Amino acid sequence: MEAILKYFTDFTDNQIQQFKKLEEIYSEWNSQINVISRKDIGSLYEKHVLHSLSIAAVMDFLPGTQIVDIGTGGGFPGIPLAIFFPDVQFTLVDSIAKKLKVVSAVVEGIQLKNVSLKNTRAEMLSKNSFDFAVSRAVAPIADLWHWSKPLLKKKQSNQIPNSLVCLKGGDLAKEISESRLRPKKIDIHSIFPLPVFEDKYLLIVDQRQ
C-alpha cells in the first residue's frame, strides 16, 4: 500500500480502504484460483496495482467515460483504475470464467459500483461502445488493436483521443514494427523509478491510426 501512497495522495477514505482490502481478498482467492503468480502475491501493490495505475499517472478520464479492459485476467489494470476513477465506467472482459470469479469476488468485496464483467471474447462486444480500451500483457499490440479498434467510439469526449492503452514489457521494437502502428511509447520507469519497472512501458494507439 505504501508503494501507491508514495506516488498518489489525493484519495478519499473510501478509496484508501478499497485499495487496502485488495491484498486480503486476492490472497484468499489466489490460493484457490491462481490469477497472480504465487511469488508475486507479496508484491501485489507494487507489481500489479501500481503498474496498473501508471495509466492514471499519464491519462485523466472524464466522468462518464467508458473503458473496456481486454483480457482482464485477475482484474488488472481494470480494478485499480476503477478505484482511482470512481466516476468512470469499466467493463472487464475475459474468456476464462474462473478468472472472472475472482474478479467478481474482488468487485463485491470492495463494493466497486462502476465495474461490469463479461465472460466473452473482445470480438463479441458491441461495436463503438467504449472511449478507451486498456490491456496488460495479453497479446501482441497488432492483435490488441485489431480487437479494440472496432470497439472505440467515433466521437471523442475526453481531451485525449479515444485510444488503446497497453501495458507492455521488454524489447518491443519488433512487435511494434510488425504491427505497422505508431504507438506513443512511455517508459513507466520514468514515472515510477523502481527496479520492478525497468523495461516496462505504456503503448498508446489512438483511433486516428
N, C-alpha and C. Protein backbone atom coordinates (compact mmCIF):
# COMPACT_ATOMS: atom_id res chain seq x y z
N MET A 1 0.82 -1.21 0.00
CA MET A 1 0.00 0.00 0.00
C MET A 1 0.85 1.26 0.00
N GLU A 2 2.00 1.17 0.68
CA GLU A 2 2.90 2.33 0.73
C GLU A 2 3.39 2.72 -0.66
N ALA A 3 3.53 1.70 -1.52
CA ALA A 3 4.00 1.97 -2.89
C ALA A 3 3.05 2.89 -3.63
N ILE A 4 1.75 2.75 -3.37
CA ILE A 4 0.76 3.60 -4.03
C ILE A 4 0.79 5.00 -3.45
N LEU A 5 0.78 5.09 -2.12
CA LEU A 5 0.70 6.39 -1.45
C LEU A 5 1.97 7.22 -1.63
N LYS A 6 3.03 6.56 -2.05
CA LYS A 6 4.27 7.30 -2.34
C LYS A 6 4.10 8.19 -3.56
N TYR A 7 3.25 7.77 -4.51
CA TYR A 7 3.09 8.49 -5.77
C TYR A 7 1.72 9.14 -5.94
N PHE A 8 0.73 8.68 -5.18
CA PHE A 8 -0.62 9.26 -5.27
C PHE A 8 -1.10 9.59 -3.86
N THR A 9 -1.62 10.79 -3.67
CA THR A 9 -2.03 11.21 -2.33
C THR A 9 -3.47 11.68 -2.25
N ASP A 10 -4.07 12.00 -3.37
CA ASP A 10 -5.39 12.63 -3.35
C ASP A 10 -6.51 11.59 -3.42
N PHE A 11 -6.56 10.73 -2.40
CA PHE A 11 -7.58 9.69 -2.34
C PHE A 11 -8.59 9.99 -1.24
N THR A 12 -9.83 9.58 -1.45
CA THR A 12 -10.82 9.64 -0.37
C THR A 12 -10.56 8.49 0.59
N ASP A 13 -11.18 8.56 1.77
CA ASP A 13 -11.04 7.47 2.73
C ASP A 13 -11.57 6.16 2.15
N ASN A 14 -12.64 6.25 1.37
CA ASN A 14 -13.21 5.05 0.76
C ASN A 14 -12.25 4.41 -0.23
N GLN A 15 -11.60 5.23 -1.04
CA GLN A 15 -10.62 4.70 -1.99
C GLN A 15 -9.47 4.01 -1.27
N ILE A 16 -8.99 4.63 -0.22
CA ILE A 16 -7.89 4.03 0.55
C ILE A 16 -8.29 2.69 1.12
N GLN A 17 -9.51 2.61 1.65
CA GLN A 17 -9.99 1.34 2.21
C GLN A 17 -10.14 0.29 1.11
N GLN A 18 -10.60 0.70 -0.07
CA GLN A 18 -10.72 -0.24 -1.18
C GLN A 18 -9.37 -0.80 -1.59
N PHE A 19 -8.37 0.08 -1.70
CA PHE A 19 -7.03 -0.38 -2.04
C PHE A 19 -6.49 -1.33 -0.96
N LYS A 20 -6.70 -0.99 0.30
CA LYS A 20 -6.19 -1.80 1.40
C LYS A 20 -6.78 -3.21 1.39
N LYS A 21 -8.05 -3.32 1.03
CA LYS A 21 -8.73 -4.62 1.07
C LYS A 21 -8.25 -5.56 -0.04
N LEU A 22 -7.62 -5.01 -1.08
CA LEU A 22 -7.22 -5.85 -2.21
C LEU A 22 -6.30 -6.99 -1.78
N GLU A 23 -5.35 -6.70 -0.91
CA GLU A 23 -4.38 -7.73 -0.53
C GLU A 23 -5.07 -8.91 0.14
N GLU A 24 -5.98 -8.64 1.07
CA GLU A 24 -6.68 -9.71 1.78
C GLU A 24 -7.51 -10.57 0.82
N ILE A 25 -8.25 -9.91 -0.06
CA ILE A 25 -9.15 -10.65 -0.95
C ILE A 25 -8.36 -11.45 -1.98
N TYR A 26 -7.35 -10.81 -2.58
CA TYR A 26 -6.55 -11.54 -3.58
C TYR A 26 -5.79 -12.70 -2.95
N SER A 27 -5.26 -12.51 -1.75
CA SER A 27 -4.51 -13.59 -1.09
C SER A 27 -5.42 -14.77 -0.82
N GLU A 28 -6.65 -14.48 -0.38
CA GLU A 28 -7.60 -15.56 -0.08
C GLU A 28 -7.98 -16.33 -1.34
N TRP A 29 -8.31 -15.61 -2.40
CA TRP A 29 -8.78 -16.26 -3.62
C TRP A 29 -7.65 -16.87 -4.43
N ASN A 30 -6.47 -16.27 -4.36
CA ASN A 30 -5.37 -16.77 -5.19
C ASN A 30 -4.91 -18.15 -4.75
N SER A 31 -5.20 -18.51 -3.50
CA SER A 31 -4.87 -19.85 -3.03
C SER A 31 -5.79 -20.90 -3.64
N GLN A 32 -6.96 -20.44 -4.16
CA GLN A 32 -7.91 -21.35 -4.78
C GLN A 32 -7.82 -21.33 -6.31
N ILE A 33 -7.74 -20.11 -6.85
CA ILE A 33 -7.65 -19.92 -8.30
C ILE A 33 -6.47 -19.00 -8.56
N ASN A 34 -5.45 -19.52 -9.18
CA ASN A 34 -4.20 -18.78 -9.33
C ASN A 34 -4.29 -17.75 -10.47
N VAL A 35 -4.58 -16.50 -10.11
CA VAL A 35 -4.62 -15.44 -11.11
C VAL A 35 -3.42 -14.51 -11.01
N ILE A 36 -2.65 -14.65 -9.93
CA ILE A 36 -1.42 -13.90 -9.73
C ILE A 36 -0.34 -14.91 -9.36
N SER A 37 0.83 -14.78 -9.96
CA SER A 37 1.93 -15.68 -9.62
C SER A 37 2.13 -15.71 -8.10
N ARG A 38 2.23 -16.89 -7.54
CA ARG A 38 2.34 -17.01 -6.08
C ARG A 38 3.58 -16.30 -5.54
N LYS A 39 4.61 -16.20 -6.34
CA LYS A 39 5.80 -15.48 -5.88
C LYS A 39 5.60 -13.97 -5.92
N ASP A 40 4.54 -13.53 -6.60
CA ASP A 40 4.27 -12.09 -6.73
C ASP A 40 3.19 -11.58 -5.78
N ILE A 41 2.47 -12.48 -5.12
CA ILE A 41 1.34 -12.04 -4.31
C ILE A 41 1.80 -11.11 -3.18
N GLY A 42 3.02 -11.31 -2.69
CA GLY A 42 3.55 -10.42 -1.65
C GLY A 42 3.93 -9.05 -2.18
N SER A 43 4.02 -8.94 -3.50
CA SER A 43 4.34 -7.65 -4.13
C SER A 43 3.14 -7.11 -4.90
N LEU A 44 1.94 -7.45 -4.44
CA LEU A 44 0.72 -7.09 -5.14
C LEU A 44 0.64 -5.61 -5.47
N TYR A 45 0.92 -4.77 -4.48
CA TYR A 45 0.73 -3.33 -4.68
C TYR A 45 1.74 -2.74 -5.64
N GLU A 46 2.96 -3.22 -5.59
CA GLU A 46 3.99 -2.67 -6.47
C GLU A 46 3.88 -3.24 -7.88
N LYS A 47 3.84 -4.57 -7.99
CA LYS A 47 3.93 -5.21 -9.31
C LYS A 47 2.62 -5.19 -10.09
N HIS A 48 1.50 -5.09 -9.39
CA HIS A 48 0.21 -5.20 -10.07
C HIS A 48 -0.64 -3.93 -9.96
N VAL A 49 -0.83 -3.43 -8.73
CA VAL A 49 -1.67 -2.25 -8.55
C VAL A 49 -0.99 -0.99 -9.07
N LEU A 50 0.23 -0.73 -8.62
CA LEU A 50 0.93 0.47 -9.08
C LEU A 50 1.21 0.40 -10.58
N HIS A 51 1.55 -0.78 -11.06
CA HIS A 51 1.76 -0.96 -12.50
C HIS A 51 0.51 -0.54 -13.27
N SER A 52 -0.65 -0.99 -12.81
CA SER A 52 -1.91 -0.61 -13.46
C SER A 52 -2.14 0.89 -13.40
N LEU A 53 -1.76 1.50 -12.28
CA LEU A 53 -2.01 2.93 -12.09
C LEU A 53 -1.06 3.82 -12.88
N SER A 54 -0.09 3.22 -13.56
CA SER A 54 0.75 4.04 -14.43
C SER A 54 -0.11 4.70 -15.51
N ILE A 55 -1.21 4.05 -15.87
CA ILE A 55 -2.15 4.65 -16.84
C ILE A 55 -2.75 5.92 -16.26
N ALA A 56 -3.13 5.86 -14.99
CA ALA A 56 -3.72 7.03 -14.33
C ALA A 56 -2.71 8.15 -14.16
N ALA A 57 -1.43 7.80 -14.12
CA ALA A 57 -0.39 8.82 -13.94
C ALA A 57 -0.22 9.68 -15.19
N VAL A 58 -0.62 9.16 -16.35
CA VAL A 58 -0.39 9.91 -17.60
C VAL A 58 -1.68 10.26 -18.33
N MET A 59 -2.82 9.71 -17.86
CA MET A 59 -4.09 9.96 -18.55
C MET A 59 -5.16 10.29 -17.53
N ASP A 60 -5.98 11.28 -17.84
CA ASP A 60 -7.10 11.65 -16.98
C ASP A 60 -8.40 11.43 -17.75
N PHE A 61 -9.32 10.68 -17.16
CA PHE A 61 -10.57 10.35 -17.83
C PHE A 61 -11.72 11.12 -17.20
N LEU A 62 -12.55 11.72 -18.03
CA LEU A 62 -13.68 12.50 -17.54
C LEU A 62 -14.77 11.58 -16.99
N PRO A 63 -15.59 12.07 -16.05
CA PRO A 63 -16.72 11.29 -15.55
C PRO A 63 -17.60 10.82 -16.71
N GLY A 64 -18.06 9.57 -16.62
CA GLY A 64 -18.91 9.02 -17.66
C GLY A 64 -18.17 8.33 -18.78
N THR A 65 -16.85 8.44 -18.80
CA THR A 65 -16.05 7.75 -19.81
C THR A 65 -16.26 6.24 -19.69
N GLN A 66 -16.31 5.57 -20.83
CA GLN A 66 -16.50 4.12 -20.89
C GLN A 66 -15.18 3.45 -21.30
N ILE A 67 -14.71 2.53 -20.46
CA ILE A 67 -13.42 1.87 -20.71
C ILE A 67 -13.59 0.36 -20.65
N VAL A 68 -13.01 -0.34 -21.62
CA VAL A 68 -13.04 -1.80 -21.62
C VAL A 68 -11.63 -2.31 -21.33
N ASP A 69 -11.54 -3.28 -20.43
CA ASP A 69 -10.28 -3.95 -20.09
C ASP A 69 -10.30 -5.31 -20.79
N ILE A 70 -9.50 -5.43 -21.84
CA ILE A 70 -9.48 -6.63 -22.66
C ILE A 70 -8.55 -7.68 -22.06
N GLY A 71 -9.10 -8.86 -21.77
CA GLY A 71 -8.30 -9.92 -21.15
C GLY A 71 -7.88 -9.54 -19.75
N THR A 72 -8.84 -9.16 -18.93
CA THR A 72 -8.53 -8.58 -17.61
C THR A 72 -7.82 -9.55 -16.67
N GLY A 73 -7.96 -10.87 -16.91
CA GLY A 73 -7.28 -11.84 -16.04
C GLY A 73 -7.77 -11.72 -14.61
N GLY A 74 -6.89 -11.35 -13.70
CA GLY A 74 -7.26 -11.17 -12.30
C GLY A 74 -7.83 -9.80 -11.99
N GLY A 75 -8.05 -8.99 -13.04
CA GLY A 75 -8.64 -7.68 -12.81
C GLY A 75 -7.68 -6.52 -12.98
N PHE A 76 -6.61 -6.76 -13.72
CA PHE A 76 -5.61 -5.70 -13.94
C PHE A 76 -5.48 -5.38 -15.42
N PRO A 77 -5.48 -4.11 -15.77
CA PRO A 77 -5.45 -2.93 -14.90
C PRO A 77 -6.81 -2.41 -14.45
N GLY A 78 -7.90 -3.10 -14.80
CA GLY A 78 -9.23 -2.55 -14.62
C GLY A 78 -9.61 -2.19 -13.20
N ILE A 79 -9.36 -3.10 -12.24
CA ILE A 79 -9.81 -2.83 -10.87
C ILE A 79 -9.08 -1.65 -10.23
N PRO A 80 -7.74 -1.58 -10.27
CA PRO A 80 -7.10 -0.39 -9.71
C PRO A 80 -7.55 0.91 -10.38
N LEU A 81 -7.76 0.87 -11.69
CA LEU A 81 -8.22 2.07 -12.39
C LEU A 81 -9.65 2.43 -11.99
N ALA A 82 -10.48 1.43 -11.76
CA ALA A 82 -11.86 1.70 -11.34
C ALA A 82 -11.91 2.32 -9.95
N ILE A 83 -11.00 1.91 -9.08
CA ILE A 83 -10.92 2.56 -7.77
C ILE A 83 -10.46 4.00 -7.93
N PHE A 84 -9.47 4.20 -8.78
CA PHE A 84 -8.88 5.53 -8.99
C PHE A 84 -9.89 6.49 -9.62
N PHE A 85 -10.68 5.98 -10.57
CA PHE A 85 -11.65 6.81 -11.30
C PHE A 85 -13.08 6.33 -10.99
N PRO A 86 -13.63 6.68 -9.84
CA PRO A 86 -14.94 6.15 -9.44
C PRO A 86 -16.10 6.62 -10.32
N ASP A 87 -15.89 7.68 -11.10
CA ASP A 87 -16.96 8.20 -11.96
C ASP A 87 -16.84 7.73 -13.41
N VAL A 88 -15.91 6.82 -13.65
CA VAL A 88 -15.70 6.24 -14.98
C VAL A 88 -16.24 4.82 -14.96
N GLN A 89 -16.85 4.39 -16.06
CA GLN A 89 -17.45 3.06 -16.14
C GLN A 89 -16.48 2.08 -16.81
N PHE A 90 -16.24 0.96 -16.14
CA PHE A 90 -15.30 -0.04 -16.63
C PHE A 90 -16.02 -1.35 -16.93
N THR A 91 -15.70 -1.93 -18.09
CA THR A 91 -16.18 -3.26 -18.45
C THR A 91 -14.96 -4.18 -18.52
N LEU A 92 -14.91 -5.16 -17.63
CA LEU A 92 -13.77 -6.07 -17.55
C LEU A 92 -14.14 -7.36 -18.28
N VAL A 93 -13.34 -7.71 -19.29
CA VAL A 93 -13.68 -8.81 -20.19
C VAL A 93 -12.61 -9.89 -20.12
N ASP A 94 -13.05 -11.13 -20.02
CA ASP A 94 -12.13 -12.26 -20.12
C ASP A 94 -12.90 -13.48 -20.58
N SER A 95 -12.25 -14.32 -21.38
CA SER A 95 -12.91 -15.52 -21.90
C SER A 95 -12.85 -16.68 -20.93
N ILE A 96 -12.08 -16.53 -19.84
CA ILE A 96 -11.92 -17.62 -18.86
C ILE A 96 -12.76 -17.31 -17.62
N ALA A 97 -13.81 -18.09 -17.43
CA ALA A 97 -14.80 -17.81 -16.39
C ALA A 97 -14.22 -17.84 -14.98
N LYS A 98 -13.28 -18.77 -14.72
CA LYS A 98 -12.78 -18.88 -13.35
C LYS A 98 -11.97 -17.65 -12.94
N LYS A 99 -11.35 -16.98 -13.89
CA LYS A 99 -10.65 -15.75 -13.56
C LYS A 99 -11.66 -14.67 -13.17
N LEU A 100 -12.76 -14.59 -13.90
CA LEU A 100 -13.77 -13.60 -13.59
C LEU A 100 -14.46 -13.89 -12.26
N LYS A 101 -14.42 -15.15 -11.82
CA LYS A 101 -14.96 -15.48 -10.50
C LYS A 101 -14.18 -14.75 -9.42
N VAL A 102 -12.86 -14.71 -9.57
CA VAL A 102 -12.02 -13.97 -8.63
C VAL A 102 -12.30 -12.48 -8.73
N VAL A 103 -12.36 -11.98 -9.95
CA VAL A 103 -12.61 -10.55 -10.15
C VAL A 103 -13.96 -10.16 -9.54
N SER A 104 -14.95 -10.99 -9.73
CA SER A 104 -16.27 -10.72 -9.17
C SER A 104 -16.21 -10.64 -7.64
N ALA A 105 -15.44 -11.52 -7.02
CA ALA A 105 -15.30 -11.51 -5.57
C ALA A 105 -14.61 -10.23 -5.10
N VAL A 106 -13.64 -9.77 -5.86
CA VAL A 106 -12.95 -8.53 -5.51
C VAL A 106 -13.90 -7.34 -5.64
N VAL A 107 -14.61 -7.28 -6.76
CA VAL A 107 -15.55 -6.18 -7.00
C VAL A 107 -16.59 -6.11 -5.89
N GLU A 108 -17.11 -7.27 -5.51
CA GLU A 108 -18.11 -7.32 -4.44
C GLU A 108 -17.48 -6.99 -3.09
N GLY A 109 -16.29 -7.50 -2.85
CA GLY A 109 -15.64 -7.32 -1.56
C GLY A 109 -15.28 -5.88 -1.25
N ILE A 110 -14.94 -5.12 -2.28
CA ILE A 110 -14.59 -3.71 -2.04
C ILE A 110 -15.71 -2.77 -2.48
N GLN A 111 -16.84 -3.36 -2.89
CA GLN A 111 -18.04 -2.60 -3.24
C GLN A 111 -17.77 -1.58 -4.35
N LEU A 112 -17.19 -2.08 -5.43
CA LEU A 112 -16.98 -1.24 -6.61
C LEU A 112 -18.28 -1.13 -7.38
N LYS A 113 -18.75 0.08 -7.58
CA LYS A 113 -20.04 0.30 -8.23
C LYS A 113 -19.93 0.61 -9.72
N ASN A 114 -18.72 0.82 -10.20
CA ASN A 114 -18.53 1.28 -11.58
C ASN A 114 -17.89 0.23 -12.48
N VAL A 115 -18.10 -1.04 -12.14
CA VAL A 115 -17.49 -2.15 -12.89
C VAL A 115 -18.56 -3.17 -13.28
N SER A 116 -18.51 -3.59 -14.55
CA SER A 116 -19.31 -4.73 -15.00
C SER A 116 -18.37 -5.76 -15.61
N LEU A 117 -18.77 -7.03 -15.55
CA LEU A 117 -17.93 -8.13 -16.02
C LEU A 117 -18.59 -8.84 -17.18
N LYS A 118 -17.78 -9.25 -18.15
CA LYS A 118 -18.31 -10.00 -19.28
C LYS A 118 -17.40 -11.19 -19.57
N ASN A 119 -17.98 -12.39 -19.51
CA ASN A 119 -17.25 -13.62 -19.82
C ASN A 119 -17.41 -13.90 -21.32
N THR A 120 -16.55 -13.27 -22.11
CA THR A 120 -16.62 -13.40 -23.55
C THR A 120 -15.29 -12.99 -24.15
N ARG A 121 -15.22 -13.00 -25.46
CA ARG A 121 -14.04 -12.51 -26.16
C ARG A 121 -14.32 -11.09 -26.63
N ALA A 122 -13.26 -10.32 -26.78
CA ALA A 122 -13.42 -8.92 -27.16
C ALA A 122 -14.17 -8.76 -28.47
N GLU A 123 -13.97 -9.72 -29.39
CA GLU A 123 -14.61 -9.63 -30.70
C GLU A 123 -16.14 -9.70 -30.62
N MET A 124 -16.66 -10.19 -29.50
CA MET A 124 -18.10 -10.37 -29.36
C MET A 124 -18.78 -9.16 -28.72
N LEU A 125 -18.02 -8.17 -28.34
CA LEU A 125 -18.60 -6.99 -27.70
C LEU A 125 -19.24 -6.07 -28.73
N SER A 126 -20.14 -5.24 -28.28
CA SER A 126 -20.82 -4.30 -29.17
C SER A 126 -19.84 -3.28 -29.72
N LYS A 127 -19.97 -2.97 -30.98
CA LYS A 127 -19.08 -2.02 -31.64
C LYS A 127 -19.36 -0.60 -31.16
N ASN A 128 -18.32 0.23 -31.23
CA ASN A 128 -18.44 1.67 -30.93
C ASN A 128 -19.06 1.91 -29.56
N SER A 129 -18.62 1.13 -28.57
CA SER A 129 -19.23 1.22 -27.24
C SER A 129 -18.34 1.88 -26.19
N PHE A 130 -17.05 2.06 -26.50
CA PHE A 130 -16.10 2.49 -25.49
C PHE A 130 -15.26 3.67 -25.98
N ASP A 131 -14.82 4.47 -25.00
CA ASP A 131 -13.92 5.58 -25.32
C ASP A 131 -12.46 5.10 -25.35
N PHE A 132 -12.16 4.15 -24.48
CA PHE A 132 -10.78 3.63 -24.39
C PHE A 132 -10.81 2.12 -24.16
N ALA A 133 -9.77 1.46 -24.65
CA ALA A 133 -9.52 0.06 -24.33
C ALA A 133 -8.18 -0.01 -23.61
N VAL A 134 -8.11 -0.80 -22.55
CA VAL A 134 -6.85 -0.99 -21.83
C VAL A 134 -6.55 -2.48 -21.79
N SER A 135 -5.27 -2.81 -21.65
CA SER A 135 -4.89 -4.22 -21.61
C SER A 135 -3.50 -4.34 -21.00
N ARG A 136 -3.27 -5.47 -20.35
CA ARG A 136 -1.99 -5.70 -19.67
C ARG A 136 -1.42 -7.06 -20.07
N ALA A 137 -0.39 -7.01 -20.92
CA ALA A 137 0.38 -8.21 -21.28
C ALA A 137 -0.50 -9.36 -21.73
N VAL A 138 -1.46 -9.08 -22.61
CA VAL A 138 -2.40 -10.10 -23.07
C VAL A 138 -1.99 -10.70 -24.41
N ALA A 139 -1.59 -9.85 -25.35
CA ALA A 139 -1.33 -10.30 -26.72
C ALA A 139 -0.47 -9.25 -27.41
N PRO A 140 0.08 -9.57 -28.59
CA PRO A 140 0.82 -8.56 -29.35
C PRO A 140 -0.05 -7.36 -29.66
N ILE A 141 0.58 -6.22 -29.80
CA ILE A 141 -0.18 -4.98 -30.00
C ILE A 141 -1.01 -5.01 -31.28
N ALA A 142 -0.53 -5.70 -32.29
CA ALA A 142 -1.31 -5.80 -33.54
C ALA A 142 -2.65 -6.48 -33.30
N ASP A 143 -2.64 -7.55 -32.50
CA ASP A 143 -3.88 -8.25 -32.18
C ASP A 143 -4.78 -7.39 -31.30
N LEU A 144 -4.20 -6.75 -30.32
CA LEU A 144 -4.99 -5.91 -29.43
C LEU A 144 -5.67 -4.78 -30.20
N TRP A 145 -4.96 -4.21 -31.17
CA TRP A 145 -5.54 -3.14 -31.97
C TRP A 145 -6.64 -3.68 -32.88
N HIS A 146 -6.43 -4.86 -33.42
CA HIS A 146 -7.46 -5.49 -34.26
C HIS A 146 -8.75 -5.71 -33.48
N TRP A 147 -8.62 -6.12 -32.21
CA TRP A 147 -9.80 -6.37 -31.37
C TRP A 147 -10.43 -5.08 -30.88
N SER A 148 -9.60 -4.12 -30.53
CA SER A 148 -10.12 -2.94 -29.83
C SER A 148 -10.60 -1.83 -30.76
N LYS A 149 -10.01 -1.69 -31.93
CA LYS A 149 -10.39 -0.57 -32.80
C LYS A 149 -11.89 -0.53 -33.10
N PRO A 150 -12.54 -1.68 -33.42
CA PRO A 150 -13.98 -1.62 -33.69
C PRO A 150 -14.81 -1.24 -32.46
N LEU A 151 -14.24 -1.40 -31.27
CA LEU A 151 -14.99 -1.13 -30.04
C LEU A 151 -14.98 0.35 -29.67
N LEU A 152 -14.04 1.11 -30.23
CA LEU A 152 -13.89 2.51 -29.84
C LEU A 152 -14.92 3.39 -30.53
N LYS A 153 -15.51 4.27 -29.75
CA LYS A 153 -16.47 5.23 -30.29
C LYS A 153 -15.79 6.16 -31.30
N LYS A 154 -16.54 6.60 -32.27
CA LYS A 154 -16.01 7.54 -33.25
C LYS A 154 -15.85 8.94 -32.65
N LYS A 155 -16.80 9.29 -31.78
CA LYS A 155 -16.81 10.64 -31.22
C LYS A 155 -15.92 10.70 -29.98
N GLN A 156 -15.06 11.69 -29.92
CA GLN A 156 -14.16 11.89 -28.79
C GLN A 156 -14.83 12.76 -27.74
N SER A 157 -14.85 12.30 -26.48
CA SER A 157 -15.47 13.08 -25.41
C SER A 157 -14.49 13.49 -24.33
N ASN A 158 -13.24 13.01 -24.42
CA ASN A 158 -12.19 13.43 -23.50
C ASN A 158 -11.23 14.38 -24.21
N GLN A 159 -10.35 14.99 -23.47
CA GLN A 159 -9.36 15.89 -24.08
C GLN A 159 -8.34 15.12 -24.90
N ILE A 160 -8.19 13.83 -24.60
CA ILE A 160 -7.27 12.98 -25.36
C ILE A 160 -8.08 12.09 -26.29
N PRO A 161 -7.52 11.74 -27.45
CA PRO A 161 -8.26 10.91 -28.41
C PRO A 161 -8.61 9.54 -27.84
N ASN A 162 -9.73 8.99 -28.29
CA ASN A 162 -10.06 7.62 -27.93
C ASN A 162 -8.93 6.70 -28.37
N SER A 163 -8.53 5.77 -27.49
CA SER A 163 -7.27 5.05 -27.72
C SER A 163 -7.30 3.65 -27.12
N LEU A 164 -6.34 2.85 -27.60
CA LEU A 164 -5.94 1.61 -26.95
C LEU A 164 -4.72 1.93 -26.09
N VAL A 165 -4.74 1.49 -24.83
CA VAL A 165 -3.63 1.73 -23.92
C VAL A 165 -3.14 0.39 -23.40
N CYS A 166 -1.91 0.02 -23.75
CA CYS A 166 -1.36 -1.29 -23.39
C CYS A 166 -0.22 -1.16 -22.39
N LEU A 167 -0.19 -2.06 -21.43
CA LEU A 167 0.96 -2.21 -20.54
C LEU A 167 1.80 -3.34 -21.09
N LYS A 168 3.05 -3.03 -21.41
CA LYS A 168 3.94 -4.00 -22.07
C LYS A 168 5.32 -3.98 -21.43
N GLY A 169 6.08 -5.06 -21.67
CA GLY A 169 7.43 -5.12 -21.14
C GLY A 169 8.41 -5.69 -22.14
N GLY A 170 9.71 -5.41 -21.90
CA GLY A 170 10.76 -5.98 -22.73
C GLY A 170 11.07 -5.16 -23.97
N ASP A 171 11.79 -5.79 -24.90
CA ASP A 171 12.16 -5.14 -26.15
C ASP A 171 10.97 -5.23 -27.11
N LEU A 172 10.37 -4.09 -27.39
CA LEU A 172 9.14 -4.05 -28.17
C LEU A 172 9.35 -3.64 -29.62
N ALA A 173 10.60 -3.45 -30.02
CA ALA A 173 10.88 -2.92 -31.36
C ALA A 173 10.28 -3.78 -32.46
N LYS A 174 10.51 -5.10 -32.39
CA LYS A 174 10.00 -5.99 -33.43
C LYS A 174 8.48 -6.03 -33.43
N GLU A 175 7.90 -6.12 -32.24
CA GLU A 175 6.44 -6.19 -32.12
C GLU A 175 5.78 -4.94 -32.71
N ILE A 176 6.35 -3.79 -32.41
CA ILE A 176 5.79 -2.53 -32.93
C ILE A 176 5.98 -2.44 -34.44
N SER A 177 7.17 -2.82 -34.90
CA SER A 177 7.46 -2.76 -36.33
C SER A 177 6.50 -3.65 -37.12
N GLU A 178 6.28 -4.87 -36.63
CA GLU A 178 5.42 -5.81 -37.34
C GLU A 178 3.95 -5.37 -37.31
N SER A 179 3.57 -4.58 -36.32
CA SER A 179 2.19 -4.12 -36.22
C SER A 179 1.87 -3.02 -37.22
N ARG A 180 2.91 -2.32 -37.69
CA ARG A 180 2.76 -1.17 -38.59
C ARG A 180 1.96 -0.04 -37.94
N LEU A 181 1.95 -0.04 -36.63
CA LEU A 181 1.30 1.03 -35.88
C LEU A 181 2.35 2.04 -35.42
N ARG A 182 1.88 3.18 -34.96
CA ARG A 182 2.79 4.21 -34.47
C ARG A 182 2.37 4.61 -33.05
N PRO A 183 2.54 3.68 -32.11
CA PRO A 183 2.10 3.98 -30.75
C PRO A 183 3.00 5.00 -30.06
N LYS A 184 2.40 5.76 -29.18
CA LYS A 184 3.19 6.59 -28.27
C LYS A 184 3.73 5.67 -27.19
N LYS A 185 5.03 5.73 -26.95
CA LYS A 185 5.68 4.82 -26.00
C LYS A 185 6.16 5.61 -24.79
N ILE A 186 5.71 5.21 -23.61
CA ILE A 186 6.08 5.90 -22.37
C ILE A 186 6.78 4.91 -21.46
N ASP A 187 7.96 5.29 -20.98
CA ASP A 187 8.75 4.46 -20.08
C ASP A 187 8.17 4.57 -18.67
N ILE A 188 7.61 3.48 -18.15
CA ILE A 188 7.00 3.53 -16.83
C ILE A 188 8.05 3.80 -15.75
N HIS A 189 9.27 3.36 -15.99
CA HIS A 189 10.34 3.61 -15.01
C HIS A 189 10.59 5.11 -14.83
N SER A 190 10.26 5.90 -15.83
CA SER A 190 10.41 7.36 -15.70
C SER A 190 9.29 7.96 -14.84
N ILE A 191 8.19 7.23 -14.69
CA ILE A 191 7.07 7.67 -13.85
C ILE A 191 7.26 7.19 -12.42
N PHE A 192 7.55 5.90 -12.29
CA PHE A 192 7.80 5.26 -11.00
C PHE A 192 9.20 4.67 -11.05
N PRO A 193 10.22 5.39 -10.59
CA PRO A 193 11.61 4.92 -10.71
C PRO A 193 11.95 3.81 -9.71
N LEU A 194 11.34 2.66 -9.94
CA LEU A 194 11.57 1.49 -9.11
C LEU A 194 12.15 0.38 -9.99
N PRO A 195 13.01 -0.48 -9.44
CA PRO A 195 13.63 -1.53 -10.26
C PRO A 195 12.63 -2.42 -10.99
N VAL A 196 11.47 -2.67 -10.38
CA VAL A 196 10.48 -3.57 -10.99
C VAL A 196 9.94 -3.02 -12.31
N PHE A 197 10.07 -1.71 -12.53
CA PHE A 197 9.52 -1.11 -13.74
C PHE A 197 10.56 -0.85 -14.82
N GLU A 198 11.76 -1.34 -14.63
CA GLU A 198 12.74 -1.25 -15.71
C GLU A 198 12.26 -2.12 -16.87
N ASP A 199 12.33 -1.59 -18.08
CA ASP A 199 11.85 -2.29 -19.29
C ASP A 199 10.34 -2.51 -19.29
N LYS A 200 9.59 -1.64 -18.60
CA LYS A 200 8.13 -1.68 -18.63
C LYS A 200 7.63 -0.40 -19.30
N TYR A 201 6.64 -0.55 -20.18
CA TYR A 201 6.21 0.60 -20.99
C TYR A 201 4.70 0.67 -21.12
N LEU A 202 4.24 1.88 -21.40
CA LEU A 202 2.87 2.12 -21.84
C LEU A 202 2.91 2.38 -23.33
N LEU A 203 2.08 1.69 -24.08
CA LEU A 203 1.92 1.96 -25.51
C LEU A 203 0.52 2.49 -25.73
N ILE A 204 0.41 3.64 -26.38
CA ILE A 204 -0.89 4.28 -26.62
C ILE A 204 -1.10 4.42 -28.12
N VAL A 205 -2.17 3.80 -28.62
CA VAL A 205 -2.51 3.89 -30.04
C VAL A 205 -3.86 4.60 -30.14
N ASP A 206 -3.88 5.80 -30.70
CA ASP A 206 -5.17 6.48 -30.78
C ASP A 206 -5.90 6.10 -32.07
N GLN A 207 -7.21 6.26 -32.05
CA GLN A 207 -8.05 5.70 -33.10
C GLN A 207 -7.87 6.36 -34.46
N ARG A 208 -7.11 7.43 -34.52
CA ARG A 208 -6.90 8.10 -35.81
C ARG A 208 -5.94 7.33 -36.70
N GLN A 209 -5.31 6.27 -36.15
CA GLN A 209 -4.41 5.45 -36.96
C GLN A 209 -5.21 4.48 -37.83
